[in-house]
Amino acid sequence: MGFLDKVKDTASKAAEKVQQAAETGQEKLEEQKTKKKVGDLKEALGSIVYAQRTGAAPENAEADITRIVQEIQAAEVQLAAAADESSSSSVATDGPAATDPTA
């Protein structure tokens, strides 16, 4: 293998690592956004429940509660799926590197 081939190979590997880092960063950003959304929804849910308990709830409080709970559940499913995908992809990418004697 010539010197230029080695340089190209190294550059290619570096580009792959940068791409993986960018994808990981984007996934983390989306995860944080979803977690913030869940927190905001729980805060809204708490406000409605408090209003119910103090007698100041709007007429559509039950419908709002149902909608918010469904949104929270959907976001939690999305977070769990992302976590499963992340753990399975890290095993797929980290597994062979751990056994590769050249790494």
N, C-alpha and C. Protein backbone atom coordinates (compact mmCIF):
# COMPACT_ATOMS: atom_id res chain seq x y z
N MET A 1 0.86 -1.17 0.00
CA MET A 1 0.00 0.00 0.00
C MET A 1 0.91 1.24 0.00
N GLY A 2 0.67 2.12 -0.93
CA GLY A 2 1.48 3.32 -1.06
C GLY A 2 1.11 4.36 -0.02
N PHE A 3 1.98 5.34 0.08
CA PHE A 3 1.78 6.41 1.04
C PHE A 3 0.46 7.14 0.81
N LEU A 4 0.14 7.46 -0.44
CA LEU A 4 -1.10 8.17 -0.74
C LEU A 4 -2.33 7.32 -0.40
N ASP A 5 -2.21 6.02 -0.61
CA ASP A 5 -3.32 5.13 -0.25
C ASP A 5 -3.57 5.17 1.26
N LYS A 6 -2.48 5.20 2.03
CA LYS A 6 -2.62 5.26 3.49
C LYS A 6 -3.24 6.59 3.91
N VAL A 7 -2.83 7.66 3.26
CA VAL A 7 -3.39 8.97 3.58
C VAL A 7 -4.88 9.00 3.26
N LYS A 8 -5.25 8.45 2.10
CA LYS A 8 -6.67 8.41 1.72
C LYS A 8 -7.47 7.58 2.71
N ASP A 9 -6.90 6.44 3.11
CA ASP A 9 -7.58 5.55 4.05
C ASP A 9 -7.77 6.25 5.39
N THR A 10 -6.75 6.92 5.87
CA THR A 10 -6.83 7.65 7.13
C THR A 10 -7.85 8.78 7.05
N ALA A 11 -7.84 9.51 5.94
CA ALA A 11 -8.79 10.60 5.75
C ALA A 11 -10.22 10.06 5.70
N SER A 12 -10.40 8.94 5.06
CA SER A 12 -11.72 8.33 4.97
C SER A 12 -12.22 7.92 6.35
N LYS A 13 -11.35 7.30 7.13
CA LYS A 13 -11.73 6.90 8.49
C LYS A 13 -12.06 8.11 9.35
N ALA A 14 -11.28 9.17 9.19
CA ALA A 14 -11.53 10.39 9.96
C ALA A 14 -12.89 10.98 9.58
N ALA A 15 -13.20 10.98 8.29
CA ALA A 15 -14.48 11.52 7.83
C ALA A 15 -15.65 10.69 8.40
N GLU A 16 -15.48 9.39 8.47
CA GLU A 16 -16.51 8.52 9.04
C GLU A 16 -16.72 8.85 10.52
N LYS A 17 -15.63 9.06 11.25
CA LYS A 17 -15.73 9.38 12.68
C LYS A 17 -16.44 10.73 12.87
N VAL A 18 -16.13 11.70 12.03
CA VAL A 18 -16.78 13.01 12.12
C VAL A 18 -18.27 12.86 11.85
N GLN A 19 -18.63 12.08 10.84
CA GLN A 19 -20.04 11.85 10.52
C GLN A 19 -20.77 11.19 11.68
N GLN A 20 -20.13 10.18 12.29
CA GLN A 20 -20.74 9.49 13.42
C GLN A 20 -20.93 10.44 14.60
N ALA A 21 -19.93 11.29 14.84
CA ALA A 21 -20.03 12.26 15.94
C ALA A 21 -21.18 13.24 15.68
N ALA A 22 -21.32 13.68 14.45
CA ALA A 22 -22.39 14.61 14.11
C ALA A 22 -23.76 13.95 14.30
N GLU A 23 -23.88 12.70 13.89
CA GLU A 23 -25.15 11.99 14.05
C GLU A 23 -25.46 11.79 15.54
N THR A 24 -24.45 11.45 16.32
CA THR A 24 -24.65 11.27 17.75
C THR A 24 -25.08 12.57 18.40
N GLY A 25 -24.45 13.66 18.01
CA GLY A 25 -24.81 14.97 18.55
C GLY A 25 -26.24 15.34 18.22
N GLN A 26 -26.66 15.06 16.99
CA GLN A 26 -28.03 15.36 16.57
C GLN A 26 -29.03 14.52 17.37
N GLU A 27 -28.69 13.24 17.59
CA GLU A 27 -29.57 12.37 18.36
C GLU A 27 -29.71 12.87 19.79
N LYS A 28 -28.61 13.30 20.38
CA LYS A 28 -28.65 13.82 21.75
C LYS A 28 -29.48 15.09 21.82
N LEU A 29 -29.36 15.94 20.82
CA LEU A 29 -30.14 17.17 20.78
C LEU A 29 -31.63 16.86 20.71
N GLU A 30 -32.00 15.93 19.85
CA GLU A 30 -33.41 15.54 19.73
C GLU A 30 -33.91 14.93 21.04
N GLU A 31 -33.06 14.14 21.69
CA GLU A 31 -33.45 13.54 22.96
C GLU A 31 -33.69 14.62 24.01
N GLN A 32 -32.83 15.62 24.07
CA GLN A 32 -33.01 16.70 25.04
C GLN A 32 -34.28 17.50 24.76
N LYS A 33 -34.56 17.74 23.47
CA LYS A 33 -35.78 18.45 23.11
C LYS A 33 -37.01 17.67 23.56
N THR A 34 -36.99 16.36 23.36
CA THR A 34 -38.13 15.53 23.75
C THR A 34 -38.28 15.51 25.26
N LYS A 35 -37.17 15.42 25.99
CA LYS A 35 -37.23 15.44 27.45
C LYS A 35 -37.80 16.77 27.95
N LYS A 36 -37.42 17.87 27.32
CA LYS A 36 -37.95 19.18 27.71
C LYS A 36 -39.45 19.23 27.44
N LYS A 37 -39.86 18.68 26.30
CA LYS A 37 -41.28 18.65 25.96
C LYS A 37 -42.06 17.87 27.02
N VAL A 38 -41.52 16.73 27.45
CA VAL A 38 -42.17 15.92 28.48
C VAL A 38 -42.28 16.73 29.77
N GLY A 39 -41.22 17.41 30.14
CA GLY A 39 -41.25 18.24 31.35
C GLY A 39 -42.30 19.33 31.26
N ASP A 40 -42.37 19.98 30.12
CA ASP A 40 -43.37 21.04 29.92
C ASP A 40 -44.79 20.48 29.99
N LEU A 41 -44.98 19.31 29.38
CA LEU A 41 -46.30 18.68 29.41
C LEU A 41 -46.70 18.30 30.84
N LYS A 42 -45.74 17.79 31.59
CA LYS A 42 -46.04 17.41 32.98
C LYS A 42 -46.37 18.64 33.81
N GLU A 43 -45.71 19.74 33.53
CA GLU A 43 -46.02 20.98 34.23
C GLU A 43 -47.44 21.43 33.90
N ALA A 44 -47.81 21.35 32.63
CA ALA A 44 -49.17 21.73 32.22
C ALA A 44 -50.20 20.80 32.87
N LEU A 45 -49.88 19.52 32.91
CA LEU A 45 -50.77 18.55 33.54
C LEU A 45 -50.95 18.87 35.02
N GLY A 46 -49.87 19.19 35.68
CA GLY A 46 -49.95 19.55 37.09
C GLY A 46 -50.80 20.78 37.32
N SER A 47 -50.68 21.73 36.42
CA SER A 47 -51.49 22.95 36.55
C SER A 47 -52.98 22.65 36.43
N ILE A 48 -53.32 21.79 35.50
CA ILE A 48 -54.73 21.45 35.31
C ILE A 48 -55.27 20.68 36.51
N VAL A 49 -54.46 19.71 36.99
CA VAL A 49 -54.90 18.92 38.15
C VAL A 49 -55.05 19.83 39.37
N TYR A 50 -54.12 20.73 39.56
CA TYR A 50 -54.22 21.67 40.68
C TYR A 50 -55.50 22.51 40.56
N ALA A 51 -55.75 22.97 39.34
CA ALA A 51 -56.96 23.77 39.12
C ALA A 51 -58.21 22.96 39.43
N GLN A 52 -58.19 21.68 39.07
CA GLN A 52 -59.33 20.81 39.38
C GLN A 52 -59.51 20.69 40.90
N ARG A 53 -58.44 20.49 41.60
CA ARG A 53 -58.52 20.26 43.05
C ARG A 53 -58.93 21.52 43.81
N THR A 54 -58.66 22.66 43.21
CA THR A 54 -59.02 23.91 43.89
C THR A 54 -60.33 24.49 43.37
N GLY A 55 -60.97 23.77 42.45
CA GLY A 55 -62.26 24.20 41.95
C GLY A 55 -62.19 25.25 40.86
N ALA A 56 -61.04 25.45 40.27
CA ALA A 56 -60.90 26.48 39.24
C ALA A 56 -60.60 25.88 37.87
N ALA A 57 -60.92 24.62 37.68
CA ALA A 57 -60.59 23.96 36.41
C ALA A 57 -61.53 24.40 35.30
N PRO A 58 -61.01 24.50 34.08
CA PRO A 58 -61.89 24.80 32.94
C PRO A 58 -62.80 23.62 32.65
N GLU A 59 -63.84 23.85 31.87
CA GLU A 59 -64.80 22.80 31.56
C GLU A 59 -64.16 21.61 30.83
N ASN A 60 -63.17 21.89 30.01
CA ASN A 60 -62.57 20.83 29.20
C ASN A 60 -61.32 20.23 29.88
N ALA A 61 -61.24 20.31 31.19
CA ALA A 61 -60.05 19.84 31.92
C ALA A 61 -59.78 18.35 31.68
N GLU A 62 -60.82 17.54 31.72
CA GLU A 62 -60.63 16.09 31.53
C GLU A 62 -60.08 15.79 30.13
N ALA A 63 -60.59 16.46 29.13
CA ALA A 63 -60.10 16.26 27.77
C ALA A 63 -58.65 16.70 27.65
N ASP A 64 -58.31 17.82 28.29
CA ASP A 64 -56.93 18.30 28.27
C ASP A 64 -56.00 17.31 28.97
N ILE A 65 -56.45 16.78 30.11
CA ILE A 65 -55.65 15.80 30.84
C ILE A 65 -55.39 14.58 29.97
N THR A 66 -56.44 14.07 29.34
CA THR A 66 -56.29 12.90 28.47
C THR A 66 -55.32 13.17 27.33
N ARG A 67 -55.45 14.33 26.71
CA ARG A 67 -54.56 14.69 25.59
C ARG A 67 -53.11 14.80 26.06
N ILE A 68 -52.89 15.45 27.19
CA ILE A 68 -51.53 15.64 27.69
C ILE A 68 -50.91 14.31 28.08
N VAL A 69 -51.66 13.45 28.73
CA VAL A 69 -51.15 12.13 29.12
C VAL A 69 -50.76 11.34 27.87
N GLN A 70 -51.58 11.39 26.83
CA GLN A 70 -51.26 10.69 25.59
C GLN A 70 -49.99 11.25 24.95
N GLU A 71 -49.82 12.57 24.98
CA GLU A 71 -48.62 13.18 24.42
C GLU A 71 -47.37 12.77 25.21
N ILE A 72 -47.50 12.72 26.54
CA ILE A 72 -46.38 12.30 27.38
C ILE A 72 -46.02 10.85 27.07
N GLN A 73 -47.02 9.99 26.97
CA GLN A 73 -46.76 8.58 26.68
C GLN A 73 -46.09 8.41 25.32
N ALA A 74 -46.54 9.15 24.33
CA ALA A 74 -45.94 9.06 23.00
C ALA A 74 -44.49 9.52 23.03
N ALA A 75 -44.21 10.59 23.75
CA ALA A 75 -42.83 11.09 23.85
C ALA A 75 -41.95 10.10 24.59
N GLU A 76 -42.49 9.46 25.63
CA GLU A 76 -41.71 8.47 26.38
C GLU A 76 -41.42 7.24 25.53
N VAL A 77 -42.36 6.84 24.69
CA VAL A 77 -42.13 5.73 23.77
C VAL A 77 -41.03 6.11 22.78
N GLN A 78 -41.08 7.34 22.30
CA GLN A 78 -40.07 7.83 21.37
C GLN A 78 -38.69 7.83 22.04
N LEU A 79 -38.60 8.26 23.29
CA LEU A 79 -37.33 8.25 24.01
C LEU A 79 -36.81 6.84 24.21
N ALA A 80 -37.71 5.92 24.57
CA ALA A 80 -37.30 4.54 24.78
C ALA A 80 -36.81 3.91 23.48
N ALA A 81 -37.48 4.19 22.38
CA ALA A 81 -37.06 3.65 21.09
C ALA A 81 -35.70 4.21 20.70
N ALA A 82 -35.48 5.49 20.95
CA ALA A 82 -34.19 6.10 20.64
C ALA A 82 -33.09 5.50 21.49
N ALA A 83 -33.39 5.22 22.76
CA ALA A 83 -32.41 4.61 23.65
C ALA A 83 -32.07 3.20 23.19
N ASP A 84 -33.10 2.44 22.80
CA ASP A 84 -32.87 1.08 22.30
C ASP A 84 -32.03 1.11 21.03
N GLU A 85 -32.37 2.03 20.13
CA GLU A 85 -31.64 2.15 18.87
C GLU A 85 -30.20 2.56 19.13
N SER A 86 -30.02 3.46 20.06
CA SER A 86 -28.67 3.95 20.39
C SER A 86 -27.83 2.83 20.99
N SER A 87 -28.40 2.06 21.89
CA SER A 87 -27.63 0.99 22.51
C SER A 87 -27.33 -0.13 21.53
N SER A 88 -28.24 -0.42 20.62
CA SER A 88 -27.98 -1.48 19.64
C SER A 88 -26.98 -1.02 18.59
N SER A 89 -27.00 0.26 18.22
CA SER A 89 -26.03 0.74 17.23
C SER A 89 -24.66 0.90 17.85
N SER A 90 -24.56 1.21 19.15
CA SER A 90 -23.25 1.32 19.76
C SER A 90 -22.62 -0.06 19.91
N VAL A 91 -23.42 -1.07 20.14
CA VAL A 91 -22.90 -2.43 20.20
C VAL A 91 -22.41 -2.84 18.82
N ALA A 92 -23.16 -2.47 17.79
CA ALA A 92 -22.77 -2.84 16.43
C ALA A 92 -21.51 -2.12 16.00
N THR A 93 -21.32 -0.88 16.42
CA THR A 93 -20.13 -0.14 16.00
C THR A 93 -18.97 -0.34 16.95
N ASP A 94 -19.23 -0.56 18.22
CA ASP A 94 -18.16 -0.71 19.19
C ASP A 94 -17.67 -2.15 19.31
N GLY A 95 -18.53 -3.09 19.04
CA GLY A 95 -18.18 -4.49 19.21
C GLY A 95 -16.93 -4.91 18.46
N PRO A 96 -16.89 -4.79 17.13
CA PRO A 96 -15.73 -5.24 16.39
C PRO A 96 -14.47 -4.45 16.72
N ALA A 97 -14.55 -3.19 17.04
CA ALA A 97 -13.39 -2.39 17.33
C ALA A 97 -12.72 -2.89 18.61
N ALA A 98 -13.52 -3.39 19.56
CA ALA A 98 -12.96 -3.87 20.79
C ALA A 98 -12.14 -5.15 20.60
N THR A 99 -12.49 -5.93 19.60
CA THR A 99 -11.76 -7.17 19.34
C THR A 99 -10.73 -7.03 18.24
N ASP A 100 -10.68 -5.87 17.59
CA ASP A 100 -9.74 -5.63 16.50
C ASP A 100 -8.36 -5.36 17.08
N PRO A 101 -7.37 -6.21 16.84
CA PRO A 101 -6.05 -6.01 17.42
C PRO A 101 -5.32 -4.79 16.85
N THR A 102 -5.79 -4.25 15.73
CA THR A 102 -5.13 -3.10 15.12
C THR A 102 -5.63 -1.79 15.68
N ALA A 103 -6.71 -1.85 16.47
CA ALA A 103 -7.32 -0.61 16.99
C ALA A 103 -6.56 -0.09 18.18
